[in-house]
N, C-alpha and C. Protein backbone atom coordinates (compact mmCIF):
# COMPACT_ATOMS: atom_id res chain seq x y z
N MET A 1 -123.35 -88.04 35.00
CA MET A 1 -122.46 -87.33 34.10
C MET A 1 -122.03 -86.02 34.74
N GLU A 2 -120.81 -85.65 34.43
CA GLU A 2 -120.26 -84.39 34.91
C GLU A 2 -119.72 -83.64 33.70
N LYS A 3 -120.01 -82.38 33.61
CA LYS A 3 -119.48 -81.56 32.53
C LYS A 3 -118.34 -80.72 33.11
N ARG A 4 -117.18 -80.75 32.42
CA ARG A 4 -116.02 -79.99 32.87
C ARG A 4 -115.60 -79.02 31.78
N ARG A 5 -115.19 -77.85 32.18
CA ARG A 5 -114.71 -76.84 31.24
C ARG A 5 -113.19 -76.78 31.35
N ILE A 6 -112.54 -76.76 30.20
CA ILE A 6 -111.09 -76.59 30.14
C ILE A 6 -110.84 -75.22 29.53
N SER A 7 -110.10 -74.39 30.24
CA SER A 7 -109.82 -73.04 29.72
C SER A 7 -108.41 -72.63 30.14
N PHE A 8 -107.95 -71.56 29.56
CA PHE A 8 -106.64 -71.04 29.92
C PHE A 8 -106.62 -69.54 29.72
N ASP A 9 -105.62 -68.90 30.31
CA ASP A 9 -105.44 -67.47 30.15
C ASP A 9 -104.51 -67.23 28.96
N LEU A 10 -104.91 -66.35 28.08
CA LEU A 10 -104.12 -65.96 26.93
C LEU A 10 -103.73 -64.50 27.14
N LEU A 11 -102.44 -64.23 27.10
CA LEU A 11 -101.98 -62.85 27.20
C LEU A 11 -101.98 -62.26 25.79
N VAL A 12 -102.54 -61.07 25.65
CA VAL A 12 -102.65 -60.41 24.36
C VAL A 12 -101.95 -59.05 24.44
N PHE A 13 -101.00 -58.84 23.53
CA PHE A 13 -100.25 -57.60 23.48
C PHE A 13 -100.60 -56.89 22.17
N ASP A 14 -100.70 -55.57 22.23
CA ASP A 14 -101.03 -54.80 21.03
C ASP A 14 -99.82 -54.56 20.14
N THR A 15 -98.63 -54.45 20.75
CA THR A 15 -97.42 -54.18 19.99
C THR A 15 -96.24 -54.96 20.58
N LEU A 16 -95.19 -55.09 19.79
CA LEU A 16 -93.97 -55.74 20.27
C LEU A 16 -93.38 -55.00 21.46
N ASP A 17 -93.58 -53.68 21.51
CA ASP A 17 -93.00 -52.88 22.59
C ASP A 17 -93.55 -53.24 23.96
N GLU A 18 -94.69 -53.94 24.00
CA GLU A 18 -95.27 -54.36 25.28
C GLU A 18 -94.59 -55.62 25.83
N LEU A 19 -93.83 -56.32 25.00
CA LEU A 19 -93.13 -57.52 25.44
C LEU A 19 -91.88 -57.12 26.22
N SER A 20 -91.36 -58.06 27.00
CA SER A 20 -90.07 -57.83 27.64
C SER A 20 -89.01 -57.71 26.55
N GLN A 21 -87.86 -57.16 26.88
CA GLN A 21 -86.82 -56.99 25.87
C GLN A 21 -86.38 -58.34 25.29
N SER A 22 -86.27 -59.36 26.14
CA SER A 22 -85.83 -60.67 25.64
C SER A 22 -86.90 -61.29 24.74
N GLU A 23 -88.18 -61.12 25.08
CA GLU A 23 -89.25 -61.64 24.23
C GLU A 23 -89.32 -60.89 22.90
N LYS A 24 -89.13 -59.60 22.95
CA LYS A 24 -89.13 -58.78 21.74
C LYS A 24 -87.99 -59.21 20.81
N THR A 25 -86.80 -59.39 21.37
CA THR A 25 -85.65 -59.85 20.59
C THR A 25 -85.92 -61.21 19.98
N LEU A 26 -86.48 -62.13 20.77
CA LEU A 26 -86.77 -63.47 20.28
C LEU A 26 -87.76 -63.42 19.13
N MET A 27 -88.78 -62.58 19.24
CA MET A 27 -89.75 -62.46 18.16
C MET A 27 -89.12 -61.85 16.92
N GLN A 28 -88.25 -60.88 17.08
CA GLN A 28 -87.57 -60.29 15.93
C GLN A 28 -86.71 -61.34 15.21
N ILE A 29 -86.10 -62.23 15.97
CA ILE A 29 -85.32 -63.31 15.37
C ILE A 29 -86.24 -64.28 14.62
N ALA A 30 -87.42 -64.54 15.17
CA ALA A 30 -88.40 -65.39 14.48
C ALA A 30 -88.84 -64.76 13.16
N VAL A 31 -89.02 -63.44 13.15
CA VAL A 31 -89.38 -62.73 11.92
C VAL A 31 -88.26 -62.89 10.88
N GLU A 32 -87.02 -62.75 11.31
CA GLU A 32 -85.88 -62.93 10.41
C GLU A 32 -85.84 -64.37 9.88
N ALA A 33 -86.08 -65.34 10.76
CA ALA A 33 -86.08 -66.75 10.36
C ALA A 33 -87.17 -67.02 9.33
N ARG A 34 -88.29 -66.34 9.47
CA ARG A 34 -89.41 -66.50 8.53
C ARG A 34 -88.98 -66.19 7.10
N GLU A 35 -88.06 -65.27 6.94
CA GLU A 35 -87.60 -64.90 5.60
C GLU A 35 -86.86 -66.04 4.90
N ASN A 36 -86.41 -67.05 5.66
CA ASN A 36 -85.71 -68.20 5.09
C ASN A 36 -86.65 -69.37 4.81
N ALA A 37 -87.93 -69.16 4.99
CA ALA A 37 -88.88 -70.24 4.73
C ALA A 37 -88.85 -70.64 3.26
N TYR A 38 -89.02 -71.92 3.04
CA TYR A 38 -89.15 -72.44 1.68
C TYR A 38 -90.59 -72.92 1.55
N ALA A 39 -91.44 -72.07 0.99
CA ALA A 39 -92.87 -72.35 0.95
C ALA A 39 -93.46 -72.09 -0.44
N PRO A 40 -92.92 -72.76 -1.49
CA PRO A 40 -93.42 -72.50 -2.84
C PRO A 40 -94.82 -73.03 -3.08
N TYR A 41 -95.32 -73.91 -2.26
CA TYR A 41 -96.63 -74.53 -2.48
C TYR A 41 -97.72 -73.84 -1.69
N SER A 42 -97.50 -73.61 -0.42
CA SER A 42 -98.52 -72.98 0.41
C SER A 42 -98.44 -71.46 0.37
N GLN A 43 -97.27 -70.92 0.03
CA GLN A 43 -97.03 -69.47 0.07
C GLN A 43 -97.18 -68.91 1.48
N PHE A 44 -97.13 -69.79 2.48
CA PHE A 44 -97.30 -69.40 3.88
C PHE A 44 -95.96 -69.61 4.58
N MET A 45 -95.34 -68.51 4.97
CA MET A 45 -94.01 -68.57 5.59
C MET A 45 -94.12 -68.47 7.10
N VAL A 46 -93.35 -69.32 7.77
CA VAL A 46 -93.34 -69.33 9.24
C VAL A 46 -91.90 -69.33 9.70
N GLY A 47 -91.63 -68.52 10.71
CA GLY A 47 -90.32 -68.51 11.36
C GLY A 47 -90.50 -68.78 12.83
N ALA A 48 -89.56 -69.50 13.40
CA ALA A 48 -89.61 -69.81 14.83
C ALA A 48 -88.23 -69.56 15.44
N ALA A 49 -88.23 -69.08 16.65
CA ALA A 49 -87.00 -68.89 17.41
C ALA A 49 -87.22 -69.48 18.80
N VAL A 50 -86.32 -70.35 19.20
CA VAL A 50 -86.42 -71.06 20.47
C VAL A 50 -85.35 -70.53 21.42
N LEU A 51 -85.76 -70.08 22.58
CA LEU A 51 -84.83 -69.64 23.62
C LEU A 51 -84.61 -70.78 24.60
N LEU A 52 -83.37 -71.18 24.74
CA LEU A 52 -83.02 -72.28 25.64
C LEU A 52 -82.61 -71.74 27.02
N ALA A 53 -82.64 -72.62 28.00
CA ALA A 53 -82.30 -72.24 29.37
C ALA A 53 -80.86 -71.75 29.49
N ASN A 54 -79.98 -72.15 28.58
CA ASN A 54 -78.59 -71.70 28.62
C ASN A 54 -78.38 -70.38 27.88
N GLY A 55 -79.47 -69.76 27.39
CA GLY A 55 -79.39 -68.48 26.70
C GLY A 55 -79.23 -68.58 25.20
N GLU A 56 -78.96 -69.78 24.69
CA GLU A 56 -78.82 -69.97 23.24
C GLU A 56 -80.18 -69.81 22.55
N ILE A 57 -80.15 -69.32 21.33
CA ILE A 57 -81.35 -69.20 20.51
C ILE A 57 -81.16 -70.05 19.26
N VAL A 58 -82.14 -70.89 18.99
CA VAL A 58 -82.12 -71.77 17.82
C VAL A 58 -83.31 -71.38 16.95
N ILE A 59 -83.07 -71.30 15.64
CA ILE A 59 -84.14 -70.87 14.73
C ILE A 59 -84.61 -72.01 13.83
N GLY A 60 -85.76 -71.79 13.24
CA GLY A 60 -86.30 -72.71 12.25
C GLY A 60 -87.25 -71.96 11.34
N SER A 61 -87.43 -72.47 10.14
CA SER A 61 -88.43 -71.95 9.21
C SER A 61 -89.07 -73.14 8.52
N ASN A 62 -90.30 -72.95 8.05
CA ASN A 62 -90.96 -74.08 7.41
C ASN A 62 -90.26 -74.42 6.10
N GLN A 63 -90.20 -75.72 5.82
CA GLN A 63 -89.50 -76.23 4.65
C GLN A 63 -90.42 -77.22 3.94
N GLU A 64 -90.96 -76.80 2.80
CA GLU A 64 -91.88 -77.63 2.03
C GLU A 64 -91.12 -78.40 0.96
N ASN A 65 -91.81 -79.33 0.32
CA ASN A 65 -91.26 -80.01 -0.86
C ASN A 65 -92.39 -80.44 -1.76
N ALA A 66 -92.04 -80.95 -2.93
CA ALA A 66 -93.06 -81.31 -3.92
C ALA A 66 -93.97 -82.43 -3.45
N SER A 67 -93.57 -83.17 -2.47
CA SER A 67 -94.41 -84.21 -1.89
C SER A 67 -95.23 -83.61 -0.75
N PHE A 68 -95.72 -82.42 -0.99
CA PHE A 68 -96.51 -81.66 -0.02
C PHE A 68 -97.63 -82.54 0.54
N PRO A 69 -97.81 -82.65 1.81
CA PRO A 69 -97.28 -81.83 2.89
C PRO A 69 -96.18 -82.50 3.72
N SER A 70 -95.29 -83.21 3.12
CA SER A 70 -94.31 -83.95 3.92
C SER A 70 -93.12 -83.11 4.37
N GLY A 71 -93.14 -81.81 4.16
CA GLY A 71 -92.09 -80.95 4.69
C GLY A 71 -92.20 -80.83 6.20
N LEU A 72 -91.49 -79.88 6.75
CA LEU A 72 -91.54 -79.66 8.19
C LEU A 72 -91.91 -78.22 8.50
N CYS A 73 -92.66 -78.06 9.57
CA CYS A 73 -93.04 -76.75 10.06
C CYS A 73 -91.86 -76.10 10.79
N ALA A 74 -91.88 -74.78 10.85
CA ALA A 74 -90.81 -74.02 11.48
C ALA A 74 -90.60 -74.41 12.94
N GLU A 75 -91.71 -74.62 13.65
CA GLU A 75 -91.61 -74.93 15.07
C GLU A 75 -90.87 -76.24 15.30
N ARG A 76 -91.20 -77.26 14.50
CA ARG A 76 -90.53 -78.55 14.66
C ARG A 76 -89.07 -78.48 14.20
N VAL A 77 -88.80 -77.73 13.15
CA VAL A 77 -87.41 -77.56 12.72
C VAL A 77 -86.59 -76.99 13.87
N ALA A 78 -87.11 -75.93 14.50
CA ALA A 78 -86.37 -75.27 15.59
C ALA A 78 -86.26 -76.16 16.83
N VAL A 79 -87.35 -76.79 17.21
CA VAL A 79 -87.34 -77.63 18.42
C VAL A 79 -86.44 -78.85 18.22
N PHE A 80 -86.55 -79.49 17.08
CA PHE A 80 -85.72 -80.67 16.83
C PHE A 80 -84.24 -80.29 16.73
N GLN A 81 -83.96 -79.14 16.12
CA GLN A 81 -82.58 -78.68 16.03
C GLN A 81 -82.03 -78.38 17.43
N ALA A 82 -82.85 -77.76 18.27
CA ALA A 82 -82.43 -77.48 19.65
C ALA A 82 -82.13 -78.78 20.39
N GLY A 83 -83.00 -79.77 20.21
CA GLY A 83 -82.80 -81.06 20.87
C GLY A 83 -81.56 -81.77 20.38
N ALA A 84 -81.26 -81.62 19.08
CA ALA A 84 -80.08 -82.28 18.51
C ALA A 84 -78.79 -81.56 18.87
N LYS A 85 -78.83 -80.24 18.87
CA LYS A 85 -77.62 -79.46 19.11
C LYS A 85 -77.34 -79.25 20.59
N TYR A 86 -78.38 -79.15 21.40
CA TYR A 86 -78.25 -78.89 22.83
C TYR A 86 -79.06 -79.91 23.64
N PRO A 87 -78.73 -81.18 23.54
CA PRO A 87 -79.52 -82.20 24.27
C PRO A 87 -79.49 -81.95 25.77
N GLY A 88 -80.64 -82.10 26.37
CA GLY A 88 -80.74 -81.93 27.82
C GLY A 88 -80.90 -80.50 28.30
N ILE A 89 -80.83 -79.53 27.40
CA ILE A 89 -81.03 -78.12 27.77
C ILE A 89 -82.51 -77.78 27.56
N ALA A 90 -83.13 -77.25 28.59
CA ALA A 90 -84.57 -76.97 28.54
C ALA A 90 -84.89 -75.83 27.57
N ILE A 91 -86.05 -75.94 26.96
CA ILE A 91 -86.59 -74.88 26.12
C ILE A 91 -87.44 -73.99 27.01
N ASN A 92 -87.15 -72.69 27.01
CA ASN A 92 -87.93 -71.75 27.81
C ASN A 92 -89.10 -71.16 27.03
N THR A 93 -88.82 -70.69 25.82
CA THR A 93 -89.81 -69.95 25.04
C THR A 93 -89.65 -70.25 23.57
N ILE A 94 -90.77 -70.27 22.86
CA ILE A 94 -90.77 -70.36 21.40
C ILE A 94 -91.53 -69.15 20.87
N ALA A 95 -90.90 -68.40 19.97
CA ALA A 95 -91.56 -67.28 19.29
C ALA A 95 -91.85 -67.71 17.87
N ILE A 96 -93.07 -67.43 17.40
CA ILE A 96 -93.52 -67.86 16.08
C ILE A 96 -94.07 -66.64 15.33
N SER A 97 -93.58 -66.45 14.11
CA SER A 97 -94.06 -65.35 13.28
C SER A 97 -94.51 -65.93 11.93
N VAL A 98 -95.67 -65.49 11.45
CA VAL A 98 -96.23 -66.01 10.21
C VAL A 98 -96.53 -64.89 9.22
N ALA A 99 -96.43 -65.24 7.93
CA ALA A 99 -96.76 -64.30 6.85
C ALA A 99 -97.20 -65.12 5.63
N SER A 100 -97.89 -64.47 4.72
CA SER A 100 -98.33 -65.11 3.49
C SER A 100 -97.89 -64.26 2.30
N LYS A 101 -97.56 -64.93 1.21
CA LYS A 101 -97.23 -64.21 -0.02
C LYS A 101 -98.49 -63.81 -0.78
N THR A 102 -99.65 -64.32 -0.35
CA THR A 102 -100.89 -64.05 -1.08
C THR A 102 -101.84 -63.09 -0.39
N HIS A 103 -101.65 -62.86 0.90
CA HIS A 103 -102.53 -61.93 1.62
C HIS A 103 -101.84 -61.46 2.90
N LYS A 104 -102.37 -60.40 3.47
CA LYS A 104 -101.80 -59.85 4.70
C LYS A 104 -102.30 -60.66 5.89
N VAL A 105 -101.37 -61.13 6.70
CA VAL A 105 -101.72 -61.88 7.92
C VAL A 105 -101.69 -60.89 9.08
N ASP A 106 -102.88 -60.56 9.59
CA ASP A 106 -102.99 -59.55 10.63
C ASP A 106 -103.38 -60.12 11.99
N ARG A 107 -103.08 -61.41 12.18
CA ARG A 107 -103.35 -62.04 13.47
C ARG A 107 -102.39 -63.21 13.65
N PRO A 108 -102.17 -63.62 14.89
CA PRO A 108 -101.26 -64.74 15.15
C PRO A 108 -101.84 -66.06 14.64
N ALA A 109 -100.94 -66.98 14.34
CA ALA A 109 -101.33 -68.35 14.02
C ALA A 109 -100.67 -69.26 15.04
N ALA A 110 -101.47 -70.12 15.62
CA ALA A 110 -100.96 -71.06 16.61
C ALA A 110 -100.31 -72.25 15.90
N PRO A 111 -99.43 -72.96 16.58
CA PRO A 111 -98.81 -74.15 15.99
C PRO A 111 -99.86 -75.17 15.57
N CYS A 112 -99.57 -75.90 14.48
CA CYS A 112 -100.47 -76.95 14.02
C CYS A 112 -100.47 -78.11 15.03
N GLY A 113 -101.30 -79.08 14.81
CA GLY A 113 -101.40 -80.23 15.71
C GLY A 113 -100.11 -81.01 15.83
N ASN A 114 -99.42 -81.23 14.69
CA ASN A 114 -98.14 -81.96 14.75
C ASN A 114 -97.12 -81.21 15.60
N CYS A 115 -97.05 -79.91 15.42
CA CYS A 115 -96.10 -79.11 16.19
C CYS A 115 -96.48 -79.08 17.67
N ARG A 116 -97.76 -78.97 17.95
CA ARG A 116 -98.19 -78.99 19.36
C ARG A 116 -97.76 -80.28 20.03
N GLN A 117 -97.93 -81.40 19.34
CA GLN A 117 -97.55 -82.69 19.91
C GLN A 117 -96.04 -82.75 20.13
N ALA A 118 -95.26 -82.26 19.16
CA ALA A 118 -93.80 -82.28 19.29
C ALA A 118 -93.34 -81.40 20.45
N ILE A 119 -93.92 -80.21 20.57
CA ILE A 119 -93.55 -79.31 21.66
C ILE A 119 -93.99 -79.91 22.99
N ALA A 120 -95.17 -80.54 23.02
CA ALA A 120 -95.66 -81.19 24.25
C ALA A 120 -94.67 -82.23 24.73
N GLU A 121 -94.11 -82.99 23.81
CA GLU A 121 -93.14 -84.03 24.18
C GLU A 121 -91.94 -83.42 24.89
N TYR A 122 -91.45 -82.29 24.39
CA TYR A 122 -90.31 -81.62 25.03
C TYR A 122 -90.71 -81.04 26.38
N GLU A 123 -91.90 -80.46 26.45
CA GLU A 123 -92.37 -79.90 27.72
C GLU A 123 -92.51 -81.01 28.77
N GLN A 124 -93.04 -82.16 28.37
CA GLN A 124 -93.18 -83.28 29.30
C GLN A 124 -91.81 -83.82 29.71
N LYS A 125 -90.90 -83.92 28.74
CA LYS A 125 -89.56 -84.45 29.00
C LYS A 125 -88.79 -83.57 29.98
N GLN A 126 -88.88 -82.26 29.80
CA GLN A 126 -88.12 -81.35 30.67
C GLN A 126 -88.88 -80.99 31.94
N ASN A 127 -90.16 -81.34 32.01
CA ASN A 127 -90.97 -81.12 33.20
C ASN A 127 -91.03 -79.66 33.63
N THR A 128 -90.95 -78.76 32.64
CA THR A 128 -91.14 -77.33 32.88
C THR A 128 -91.91 -76.77 31.69
N PRO A 129 -92.72 -75.75 31.91
CA PRO A 129 -93.52 -75.20 30.81
C PRO A 129 -92.67 -74.51 29.75
N ILE A 130 -93.17 -74.53 28.54
CA ILE A 130 -92.58 -73.79 27.42
C ILE A 130 -93.58 -72.72 27.03
N SER A 131 -93.19 -71.46 27.19
CA SER A 131 -94.11 -70.39 26.79
C SER A 131 -94.03 -70.20 25.29
N ILE A 132 -95.15 -69.76 24.72
CA ILE A 132 -95.25 -69.62 23.26
C ILE A 132 -95.75 -68.22 22.93
N LEU A 133 -94.96 -67.53 22.11
CA LEU A 133 -95.33 -66.22 21.59
C LEU A 133 -95.71 -66.38 20.13
N MET A 134 -96.80 -65.74 19.70
CA MET A 134 -97.29 -65.90 18.33
C MET A 134 -97.70 -64.55 17.76
N MET A 135 -97.31 -64.31 16.49
CA MET A 135 -97.75 -63.08 15.83
C MET A 135 -97.80 -63.25 14.33
N GLY A 136 -98.62 -62.43 13.69
CA GLY A 136 -98.65 -62.34 12.23
C GLY A 136 -97.72 -61.23 11.79
N VAL A 137 -97.94 -60.70 10.62
CA VAL A 137 -97.15 -59.57 10.14
C VAL A 137 -97.53 -58.31 10.91
N SER A 138 -98.80 -58.21 11.26
CA SER A 138 -99.30 -57.07 12.02
C SER A 138 -100.37 -57.58 12.98
N GLY A 139 -100.87 -56.69 13.81
CA GLY A 139 -101.92 -57.06 14.74
C GLY A 139 -101.39 -57.50 16.09
N GLU A 140 -102.26 -58.11 16.84
CA GLU A 140 -101.94 -58.51 18.21
C GLU A 140 -100.89 -59.62 18.27
N ILE A 141 -100.29 -59.72 19.44
CA ILE A 141 -99.34 -60.78 19.73
C ILE A 141 -99.93 -61.58 20.88
N PHE A 142 -99.95 -62.90 20.73
CA PHE A 142 -100.48 -63.79 21.77
C PHE A 142 -99.32 -64.44 22.51
N LYS A 143 -99.58 -64.68 23.80
CA LYS A 143 -98.61 -65.43 24.61
C LYS A 143 -99.36 -66.44 25.47
N CYS A 144 -98.93 -67.70 25.37
CA CYS A 144 -99.40 -68.76 26.25
C CYS A 144 -98.25 -69.11 27.18
N GLU A 145 -98.56 -69.36 28.42
CA GLU A 145 -97.52 -69.67 29.40
C GLU A 145 -97.00 -71.10 29.28
N SER A 146 -97.76 -71.98 28.62
CA SER A 146 -97.38 -73.37 28.51
C SER A 146 -98.03 -73.97 27.27
N LEU A 147 -97.36 -74.93 26.67
CA LEU A 147 -97.97 -75.64 25.54
C LEU A 147 -99.27 -76.32 25.98
N ASN A 148 -99.32 -76.76 27.23
CA ASN A 148 -100.53 -77.41 27.75
C ASN A 148 -101.75 -76.50 27.64
N ASP A 149 -101.54 -75.17 27.59
CA ASP A 149 -102.66 -74.25 27.43
C ASP A 149 -103.39 -74.50 26.11
N ILE A 150 -102.63 -74.71 25.04
CA ILE A 150 -103.27 -74.86 23.72
C ILE A 150 -103.40 -76.31 23.29
N LEU A 151 -102.95 -77.23 24.15
CA LEU A 151 -103.14 -78.65 23.89
C LEU A 151 -103.51 -79.35 25.19
N PRO A 152 -104.71 -79.03 25.70
CA PRO A 152 -105.12 -79.71 26.94
C PRO A 152 -105.34 -81.20 26.66
N LEU A 153 -105.20 -81.99 27.66
CA LEU A 153 -105.36 -83.44 27.56
C LEU A 153 -104.37 -84.04 26.57
N ALA A 154 -103.16 -83.49 26.55
CA ALA A 154 -102.13 -83.95 25.61
C ALA A 154 -101.79 -85.42 25.83
N PHE A 155 -101.53 -86.10 24.73
CA PHE A 155 -101.06 -87.48 24.77
C PHE A 155 -99.55 -87.46 25.01
N GLY A 156 -99.10 -88.33 25.89
CA GLY A 156 -97.67 -88.39 26.18
C GLY A 156 -97.22 -89.79 26.51
N ASN A 157 -95.95 -89.89 26.86
CA ASN A 157 -95.37 -91.22 27.12
C ASN A 157 -95.95 -91.91 28.35
N SER A 158 -96.67 -91.20 29.18
CA SER A 158 -97.28 -91.85 30.35
C SER A 158 -98.36 -92.86 29.94
N TYR A 159 -98.86 -92.74 28.71
CA TYR A 159 -99.86 -93.70 28.22
C TYR A 159 -99.24 -94.94 27.62
N LEU A 160 -97.97 -94.90 27.33
CA LEU A 160 -97.31 -96.00 26.64
C LEU A 160 -96.80 -97.06 27.59
């Protein structure tokens, strides 16, 4: 038997001002997108902003419905919209901002498993990493250089 460790480097920023100007702008757009979330059941609002290789920015917010949890997360809304509107254009970065109507969110939230799988599919398809920025209402900001960082051993079309 062999034991292997899987790890990654996580960049941690104390404030938005530590990000590059383009990352800061992208995160501010994600915060704005979060305000359009429809989350009457979970009270948890998420906004996402996707920066494409052609410079376009596509947004998404979580959209719930009474058949909870069959709505869509902000990340998938943004990624799927980018794929539909700009097919073949690579995704460079996804910024994610989260908030709750019931309590203060003072730390980043990473994408759920469904979103990780969806983003992984795009990263595999475009054969270039997608960096992910994550933040709450306050507190630190996390940055991963690739979706593979937070979803090691990802399942993909190579198994099919």
